[in-house]
């Protein structure tokens, strides 16, 4: 049996209720997420339910794309995201394993492409 321990988030940012600064869907702290490193990211709703987990070689750019492009799995539910947790994971194989494991064990609502039926 393989045991997988999900890494602790390095950075967690939260949606602001009435942001005074420039923002994307209420998030003003994207600058806290690294531009240069890879890892996994998790989007949560206000009930702390996992909506989506993803992986990226460059985290900040990929996370922002989910709030900007028209093909993101969360495109119709961006307003529901209130928390973004980010874990640094440099190895691409480890990122893929974490993404699949987290999506399946936590039943991420919008990760339909990586969910495995049991």
C-alpha atoms as a PDB file:
ATOM      1  CA  UNK A   1       0.000   0.000   0.000  1.00  0.00           C
ATOM      2  CA  UNK A   2       1.232   3.489  -0.835  1.00  0.00           C
ATOM      3  CA  UNK A   3       0.804   6.281   1.685  1.00  0.00           C
ATOM      4  CA  UNK A   4       0.583   9.805   0.305  1.00  0.00           C
ATOM      5  CA  UNK A   5       0.889  12.775   2.623  1.00  0.00           C
ATOM      6  CA  UNK A   6      -0.490  15.986   1.184  1.00  0.00           C
ATOM      7  CA  UNK A   7       1.999  18.825   1.698  1.00  0.00           C
ATOM      8  CA  UNK A   8       1.031  21.756   3.884  1.00  0.00           C
ATOM      9  CA  UNK A   9       0.212  24.910   1.902  1.00  0.00           C
ATOM     10  CA  UNK A  10       3.060  27.404   1.646  1.00  0.00           C
ATOM     11  CA  UNK A  11       0.637  30.243   0.885  1.00  0.00           C
ATOM     12  CA  UNK A  12      -3.090  30.658   1.392  1.00  0.00           C
ATOM     13  CA  UNK A  13      -4.915  33.710   0.079  1.00  0.00           C
ATOM     14  CA  UNK A  14      -8.504  34.714   0.791  1.00  0.00           C
ATOM     15  CA  UNK A  15     -11.141  36.632  -1.113  1.00  0.00           C
ATOM     16  CA  UNK A  16     -11.697  40.138   0.252  1.00  0.00           C
ATOM     17  CA  UNK A  17     -15.284  41.281   0.880  1.00  0.00           C
ATOM     18  CA  UNK A  18     -14.845  44.856  -0.340  1.00  0.00           C
ATOM     19  CA  UNK A  19     -11.360  45.060  -1.845  1.00  0.00           C
ATOM     20  CA  UNK A  20      -9.933  48.575  -1.969  1.00  0.00           C
ATOM     21  CA  UNK A  21      -7.032  47.556  -4.208  1.00  0.00           C
ATOM     22  CA  UNK A  22      -7.001  46.169  -7.715  1.00  0.00           C
ATOM     23  CA  UNK A  23      -8.371  42.638  -7.599  1.00  0.00           C
ATOM     24  CA  UNK A  24      -9.402  39.577  -9.559  1.00  0.00           C
ATOM     25  CA  UNK A  25     -12.707  38.185  -8.265  1.00  0.00           C
ATOM     26  CA  UNK A  26     -11.952  39.701  -4.850  1.00  0.00           C
ATOM     27  CA  UNK A  27      -8.417  38.313  -4.532  1.00  0.00           C
ATOM     28  CA  UNK A  28      -5.804  41.022  -3.948  1.00  0.00           C
ATOM     29  CA  UNK A  29      -2.870  38.920  -2.731  1.00  0.00           C
ATOM     30  CA  UNK A  30      -1.754  37.104  -5.892  1.00  0.00           C
ATOM     31  CA  UNK A  31       1.661  38.716  -5.351  1.00  0.00           C
ATOM     32  CA  UNK A  32       2.213  36.285  -2.438  1.00  0.00           C
ATOM     33  CA  UNK A  33       2.193  33.336  -4.863  1.00  0.00           C
ATOM     34  CA  UNK A  34       5.514  32.599  -6.535  1.00  0.00           C
ATOM     35  CA  UNK A  35       5.952  33.306 -10.230  1.00  0.00           C
ATOM     36  CA  UNK A  36       8.925  30.994 -10.712  1.00  0.00           C
ATOM     37  CA  UNK A  37       8.134  27.749  -8.894  1.00  0.00           C
ATOM     38  CA  UNK A  38       5.818  24.867  -9.586  1.00  0.00           C
ATOM     39  CA  UNK A  39       3.310  23.159  -7.380  1.00  0.00           C
ATOM     40  CA  UNK A  40      -0.317  22.390  -6.760  1.00  0.00           C
ATOM     41  CA  UNK A  41      -3.171  24.738  -5.936  1.00  0.00           C
ATOM     42  CA  UNK A  42      -6.593  24.191  -4.428  1.00  0.00           C
ATOM     43  CA  UNK A  43      -9.689  26.354  -4.706  1.00  0.00           C
ATOM     44  CA  UNK A  44     -12.207  26.222  -1.825  1.00  0.00           C
ATOM     45  CA  UNK A  45     -15.689  27.629  -1.287  1.00  0.00           C
ATOM     46  CA  UNK A  46     -17.056  29.340   1.839  1.00  0.00           C
ATOM     47  CA  UNK A  47     -17.876  25.940   3.404  1.00  0.00           C
ATOM     48  CA  UNK A  48     -14.203  24.907   2.992  1.00  0.00           C
ATOM     49  CA  UNK A  49     -15.200  22.343   0.358  1.00  0.00           C
ATOM     50  CA  UNK A  50     -12.629  21.641  -2.325  1.00  0.00           C
ATOM     51  CA  UNK A  51     -13.871  22.920  -5.671  1.00  0.00           C
ATOM     52  CA  UNK A  52     -10.809  22.320  -7.816  1.00  0.00           C
ATOM     53  CA  UNK A  53      -7.202  21.182  -7.541  1.00  0.00           C
ATOM     54  CA  UNK A  54      -4.627  21.848 -10.233  1.00  0.00           C
ATOM     55  CA  UNK A  55      -0.915  21.720 -10.927  1.00  0.00           C
ATOM     56  CA  UNK A  56       1.434  24.142 -12.642  1.00  0.00           C
ATOM     57  CA  UNK A  57       5.073  24.720 -13.548  1.00  0.00           C
ATOM     58  CA  UNK A  58       4.589  28.402 -12.738  1.00  0.00           C
ATOM     59  CA  UNK A  59       1.895  28.808 -10.118  1.00  0.00           C
ATOM     60  CA  UNK A  60       0.820  32.454 -10.174  1.00  0.00           C
ATOM     61  CA  UNK A  61       0.274  32.596 -13.932  1.00  0.00           C
ATOM     62  CA  UNK A  62      -1.707  29.345 -13.983  1.00  0.00           C
ATOM     63  CA  UNK A  63      -3.918  30.284 -11.053  1.00  0.00           C
ATOM     64  CA  UNK A  64      -4.721  33.673 -12.576  1.00  0.00           C
ATOM     65  CA  UNK A  65      -5.637  31.982 -15.881  1.00  0.00           C
ATOM     66  CA  UNK A  66      -8.451  30.124 -14.104  1.00  0.00           C
ATOM     67  CA  UNK A  67     -10.025  33.497 -13.347  1.00  0.00           C
ATOM     68  CA  UNK A  68      -9.495  34.904 -16.847  1.00  0.00           C
ATOM     69  CA  UNK A  69      -9.880  32.297 -19.578  1.00  0.00           C
ATOM     70  CA  UNK A  70     -13.015  30.780 -21.049  1.00  0.00           C
ATOM     71  CA  UNK A  71     -12.003  27.119 -20.840  1.00  0.00           C
ATOM     72  CA  UNK A  72     -11.325  26.805 -17.096  1.00  0.00           C
ATOM     73  CA  UNK A  73     -13.424  24.125 -15.362  1.00  0.00           C
ATOM     74  CA  UNK A  74     -14.401  26.759 -12.779  1.00  0.00           C
ATOM     75  CA  UNK A  75     -15.375  29.432 -15.327  1.00  0.00           C
ATOM     76  CA  UNK A  76     -19.054  29.442 -14.268  1.00  0.00           C
ATOM     77  CA  UNK A  77     -18.254  29.232 -10.548  1.00  0.00           C
ATOM     78  CA  UNK A  78     -15.423  31.710 -10.048  1.00  0.00           C
ATOM     79  CA  UNK A  79     -17.497  33.727  -7.585  1.00  0.00           C
ATOM     80  CA  UNK A  80     -17.702  30.648  -5.314  1.00  0.00           C
ATOM     81  CA  UNK A  81     -13.933  30.541  -4.744  1.00  0.00           C
ATOM     82  CA  UNK A  82     -13.074  32.207  -1.416  1.00  0.00           C
ATOM     83  CA  UNK A  83      -9.748  30.557  -0.594  1.00  0.00           C
ATOM     84  CA  UNK A  84      -6.744  29.483  -2.648  1.00  0.00           C
ATOM     85  CA  UNK A  85      -4.136  27.216  -1.022  1.00  0.00           C
ATOM     86  CA  UNK A  86      -0.772  26.718  -2.737  1.00  0.00           C
ATOM     87  CA  UNK A  87       1.821  23.981  -2.117  1.00  0.00           C
ATOM     88  CA  UNK A  88       5.259  24.122  -3.716  1.00  0.00           C
ATOM     89  CA  UNK A  89       6.101  20.860  -5.494  1.00  0.00           C
ATOM     90  CA  UNK A  90       8.893  21.120  -8.043  1.00  0.00           C
ATOM     91  CA  UNK A  91       8.843  17.567  -9.423  1.00  0.00           C
ATOM     92  CA  UNK A  92       6.281  17.261 -12.265  1.00  0.00           C
ATOM     93  CA  UNK A  93       5.547  13.603 -11.517  1.00  0.00           C
ATOM     94  CA  UNK A  94       4.847  14.395  -7.863  1.00  0.00           C
ATOM     95  CA  UNK A  95       2.561  17.271  -8.918  1.00  0.00           C
ATOM     96  CA  UNK A  96       0.533  14.912 -11.110  1.00  0.00           C
ATOM     97  CA  UNK A  97       0.248  12.334  -8.327  1.00  0.00           C
ATOM     98  CA  UNK A  98      -0.861  14.936  -5.788  1.00  0.00           C
ATOM     99  CA  UNK A  99      -3.418  16.414  -8.169  1.00  0.00           C
ATOM    100  CA  UNK A 100      -5.057  13.047  -8.855  1.00  0.00           C
ATOM    101  CA  UNK A 101      -4.861  11.914  -5.232  1.00  0.00           C
ATOM    102  CA  UNK A 102      -6.324  15.130  -3.801  1.00  0.00           C
ATOM    103  CA  UNK A 103      -9.054  15.391  -6.450  1.00  0.00           C
ATOM    104  CA  UNK A 104     -10.161  11.833  -5.736  1.00  0.00           C
ATOM    105  CA  UNK A 105      -9.849  11.690  -1.952  1.00  0.00           C
ATOM    106  CA  UNK A 106     -11.505  15.082  -1.436  1.00  0.00           C
ATOM    107  CA  UNK A 107     -13.995  14.738  -4.309  1.00  0.00           C
ATOM    108  CA  UNK A 108     -13.089  18.061  -5.924  1.00  0.00           C
ATOM    109  CA  UNK A 109     -16.285  19.155  -7.642  1.00  0.00           C
ATOM    110  CA  UNK A 110     -14.754  20.486 -10.856  1.00  0.00           C
ATOM    111  CA  UNK A 111     -11.959  17.950 -11.414  1.00  0.00           C
ATOM    112  CA  UNK A 112     -14.084  15.597 -13.489  1.00  0.00           C
ATOM    113  CA  UNK A 113     -11.167  14.804 -15.800  1.00  0.00           C
ATOM    114  CA  UNK A 114      -9.028  13.205 -13.055  1.00  0.00           C
ATOM    115  CA  UNK A 115     -11.664  11.534 -10.858  1.00  0.00           C
ATOM    116  CA  UNK A 116     -11.434   7.778 -10.689  1.00  0.00           C
ATOM    117  CA  UNK A 117     -14.514   5.710  -9.910  1.00  0.00           C
ATOM    118  CA  UNK A 118     -14.039   3.214  -7.127  1.00  0.00           C
END
